[in-house]
Amino acid sequence: MQPAYYENLEEIQNKYWSMLDDAVTNRSSPFRIPVFMCAHQEEIDGRIVVLRKSDRTNNLLQFHTDLRSPKVDILKKNSKASLLFYDKEEKIQLRVKVECEINNQNSTTEESWKKTQHISRRCYLTDSPPGTLAENPTSGMISKLEDFDYTIEQSEDGYKNFTVIKCKIKSIEWLYLAAKGHRRAKFDLENKKGNWLVP
């Protein structure tokens, strides 16, 4: 028996949004850690990010990063990027094209920072930017911070580096792998159009 979304564009959209929404809170969801790709001229880069927000009403996805991260510099030059999701069990792949907005020390970051756990805030407390050359293996933090020996008040020092990347979705390409025959579709979210594609 084929799922409801096998031959129904509306059901496909319901399915992928439910998977994205679930991934925000479900740590075991494969959709929680998509590959994020950005590029400027010959500088092409990809990495895993953690999905922090899914907003169907506004066609938005969000993740957090450090303002000093190389990907922020790339996004300042070219705000267009892509997110790749894959769920092996569901046999569903999403290729999401987005326009990125960098948020630092504003209402968007304030809201997200308040929800960021004590244990996670240390990521933004490193003395040197992510990707900096080091003489020895390092977490980038002084040993005191590695042992979580810092207060929530002290963690506020990291707020200046805490950045929210807001991804406005332009289009989503869906692929469902099925023995009976794969299904592929593309959704133009800006113009609210959906079309079937040959897998």
Protein backbone atom coordinates (compact mmCIF):
# COMPACT_ATOMS: atom_id res chain seq x y z
CA MET A 1 0.00 0.00 0.00
CA GLN A 2 1.44 3.35 -1.10
CA PRO A 3 1.33 6.35 1.28
CA ALA A 4 -1.11 9.22 0.71
CA TYR A 5 1.70 11.42 -0.63
CA TYR A 6 2.66 8.96 -3.39
CA GLU A 7 0.53 10.72 -6.00
CA ASN A 8 -0.73 13.84 -4.24
CA LEU A 9 1.20 17.12 -4.23
CA GLU A 10 -0.71 18.56 -1.28
CA GLU A 11 -0.02 15.46 0.81
CA ILE A 12 3.67 15.71 -0.07
CA GLN A 13 3.78 19.21 1.37
CA ASN A 14 1.96 18.08 4.51
CA LYS A 15 4.46 15.23 4.88
CA TYR A 16 7.66 17.23 4.50
CA TRP A 17 6.45 20.03 6.80
CA SER A 18 5.50 17.48 9.47
CA MET A 19 9.02 15.98 9.16
CA LEU A 20 10.65 19.41 9.42
CA ASP A 21 8.48 20.43 12.39
CA ASP A 22 9.27 17.16 14.18
CA ALA A 23 13.02 17.58 13.58
CA VAL A 24 13.14 20.81 15.60
CA THR A 25 12.39 18.94 18.85
CA ASN A 26 13.14 15.30 17.98
CA ARG A 27 16.88 14.70 18.44
CA SER A 28 16.70 11.33 16.67
CA SER A 29 15.12 12.72 13.49
CA PRO A 30 17.45 12.53 10.45
CA PHE A 31 15.96 15.86 9.32
CA ARG A 32 17.37 17.51 12.46
CA ILE A 33 20.86 17.70 10.97
CA PRO A 34 20.72 18.74 7.30
CA VAL A 35 23.71 19.63 5.14
CA PHE A 36 23.92 23.39 4.59
CA MET A 37 25.73 24.56 1.44
CA CYS A 38 26.76 28.08 0.54
CA ALA A 39 29.13 29.48 -2.06
CA HIS A 40 30.82 32.62 -3.35
CA GLN A 41 32.79 32.38 -6.61
CA GLU A 42 35.21 29.46 -6.07
CA GLU A 43 34.60 29.31 -2.33
CA ILE A 44 32.08 26.47 -2.05
CA ASP A 45 31.38 25.00 1.36
CA GLY A 46 29.05 22.54 3.05
CA ARG A 47 28.54 21.41 6.62
CA ILE A 48 26.02 19.84 8.98
CA VAL A 49 23.83 22.27 10.92
CA VAL A 50 21.12 21.70 13.54
CA LEU A 51 17.60 22.67 12.54
CA ARG A 52 16.26 25.02 15.24
CA LYS A 53 13.02 26.30 13.74
CA SER A 54 10.50 25.29 11.10
CA ASP A 55 7.79 27.79 10.14
CA ARG A 56 5.36 26.72 7.43
CA THR A 57 3.31 29.93 7.61
CA ASN A 58 6.32 32.06 6.66
CA ASN A 59 8.28 29.41 4.69
CA LEU A 60 11.23 29.69 7.07
CA LEU A 61 13.91 27.42 8.51
CA GLN A 62 16.49 28.51 11.08
CA PHE A 63 19.78 27.35 12.55
CA HIS A 64 22.40 28.87 14.86
CA THR A 65 26.04 29.68 14.19
CA ASP A 66 28.95 31.79 15.42
CA LEU A 67 29.20 35.27 13.88
CA ARG A 68 32.92 34.57 13.32
CA SER A 69 32.25 31.37 11.34
CA PRO A 70 33.54 31.27 7.71
CA LYS A 71 30.01 30.52 6.44
CA VAL A 72 28.83 33.91 7.73
CA ASP A 73 31.46 35.65 5.58
CA ILE A 74 30.31 33.64 2.56
CA LEU A 75 26.65 34.52 3.23
CA LYS A 76 27.50 38.22 3.46
CA LYS A 77 28.74 37.98 -0.14
CA ASN A 78 26.04 35.63 -1.41
CA SER A 79 22.87 35.10 0.62
CA LYS A 80 21.61 32.26 -1.62
CA ALA A 81 22.20 28.78 -0.18
CA SER A 82 20.82 25.26 -0.06
CA LEU A 83 19.83 22.72 2.59
CA LEU A 84 19.84 18.97 1.94
CA PHE A 85 17.75 16.62 4.08
CA TYR A 86 17.57 12.81 3.85
CA ASP A 87 15.66 10.26 5.90
CA LYS A 88 16.85 6.72 5.19
CA GLU A 89 13.87 5.03 6.85
CA GLU A 90 11.28 7.19 5.11
CA LYS A 91 13.31 7.14 1.86
CA ILE A 92 12.66 10.86 1.46
CA GLN A 93 15.11 13.50 0.27
CA LEU A 94 14.52 17.27 0.30
CA ARG A 95 16.65 19.78 -1.61
CA VAL A 96 15.74 23.21 -0.26
CA LYS A 97 16.86 26.44 -1.93
CA VAL A 98 16.90 29.43 0.42
CA GLU A 99 17.76 33.10 0.81
CA CYS A 100 19.62 33.66 4.08
CA GLU A 101 19.37 36.47 6.58
CA ILE A 102 22.11 36.92 9.20
CA ASN A 103 20.77 37.90 12.63
CA ASN A 104 23.11 39.07 15.40
CA GLN A 105 22.25 40.95 18.59
CA ASN A 106 18.65 41.67 17.58
CA SER A 107 15.16 40.51 18.61
CA THR A 108 15.54 37.25 16.65
CA THR A 109 18.74 36.30 18.44
CA GLU A 110 17.43 37.46 21.82
CA GLU A 111 14.48 35.07 21.54
CA SER A 112 16.67 32.12 20.51
CA TRP A 113 19.46 32.88 23.00
CA LYS A 114 17.02 32.68 25.92
CA LYS A 115 16.15 29.11 24.84
CA THR A 116 19.81 28.09 24.39
CA GLN A 117 20.90 25.74 27.17
CA HIS A 118 23.81 26.46 29.49
CA ILE A 119 25.75 23.49 28.05
CA SER A 120 25.35 24.81 24.47
CA ARG A 121 26.34 28.40 25.18
CA ARG A 122 30.00 27.48 25.61
CA CYS A 123 30.26 27.07 21.81
CA TYR A 124 30.14 30.86 21.55
CA LEU A 125 32.71 31.51 24.28
CA THR A 126 35.87 30.55 22.38
CA ASP A 127 38.63 33.16 22.26
CA SER A 128 39.40 32.45 18.61
CA PRO A 129 36.96 32.13 15.70
CA PRO A 130 35.87 28.66 14.50
CA GLY A 131 38.35 27.29 11.96
CA THR A 132 41.36 29.16 13.40
CA LEU A 133 44.69 27.32 13.08
CA ALA A 134 45.86 25.75 16.37
CA GLU A 135 49.23 24.30 17.40
CA ASN A 136 47.60 21.52 19.43
CA PRO A 137 44.26 19.66 19.55
CA THR A 138 41.84 22.06 21.20
CA SER A 139 38.21 22.83 21.90
CA GLY A 140 39.16 26.51 21.67
CA MET A 141 38.11 27.12 25.25
CA ILE A 142 40.05 27.58 28.45
CA SER A 143 39.93 24.45 30.63
CA LYS A 144 37.55 26.11 33.08
CA LEU A 145 34.89 26.31 30.38
CA GLU A 146 35.53 22.77 29.17
CA ASP A 147 34.53 21.56 32.62
CA PHE A 148 31.31 23.63 32.44
CA ASP A 149 32.57 25.57 35.43
CA TYR A 150 30.87 28.81 34.46
CA THR A 151 27.63 30.46 35.44
CA ILE A 152 24.71 31.32 33.22
CA GLU A 153 25.67 34.97 33.79
CA GLN A 154 29.22 34.31 32.56
CA SER A 155 27.80 32.55 29.50
CA GLU A 156 26.24 35.87 28.44
CA ASP A 157 29.68 36.82 27.08
CA GLY A 158 28.96 34.48 24.18
CA TYR A 159 25.84 36.35 23.09
CA LYS A 160 27.86 38.77 20.95
CA ASN A 161 28.96 35.79 18.78
CA PHE A 162 25.60 33.99 18.79
CA THR A 163 23.98 34.27 15.37
CA VAL A 164 20.72 33.02 13.91
CA ILE A 165 20.61 32.23 10.21
CA LYS A 166 17.06 32.67 9.00
CA CYS A 167 16.47 30.78 5.75
CA LYS A 168 13.59 31.99 3.59
CA ILE A 169 12.58 29.05 1.42
CA LYS A 170 12.40 29.72 -2.31
CA SER A 171 11.80 26.17 -3.53
CA ILE A 172 11.74 22.58 -2.30
CA GLU A 173 12.50 19.56 -4.44
CA TRP A 174 11.11 16.29 -3.09
CA LEU A 175 12.27 12.76 -3.90
CA TYR A 176 10.58 9.62 -2.57
CA LEU A 177 12.26 6.29 -3.29
CA ALA A 178 9.79 3.45 -3.82
CA ALA A 179 10.11 -0.04 -5.29
CA LYS A 180 6.94 0.51 -7.33
CA GLY A 181 8.49 3.64 -8.83
CA HIS A 182 10.15 6.72 -7.39
CA ARG A 183 8.29 10.00 -7.16
CA ARG A 184 9.80 13.47 -7.57
CA ALA A 185 8.21 16.90 -7.35
CA LYS A 186 9.24 20.53 -7.10
CA PHE A 187 7.48 23.24 -5.14
CA ASP A 188 7.95 26.92 -5.91
CA LEU A 189 6.96 28.39 -2.55
CA GLU A 190 7.21 32.01 -3.70
CA ASN A 191 4.60 31.47 -6.41
CA LYS A 192 2.75 28.65 -4.64
CA LYS A 193 3.18 26.18 -7.49
CA GLY A 194 3.91 22.49 -7.45
CA ASN A 195 4.92 20.25 -10.34
CA TRP A 196 5.78 16.60 -10.80
CA LEU A 197 9.26 15.80 -12.12
CA VAL A 198 10.73 12.66 -13.66
CA PRO A 199 12.75 10.98 -10.87
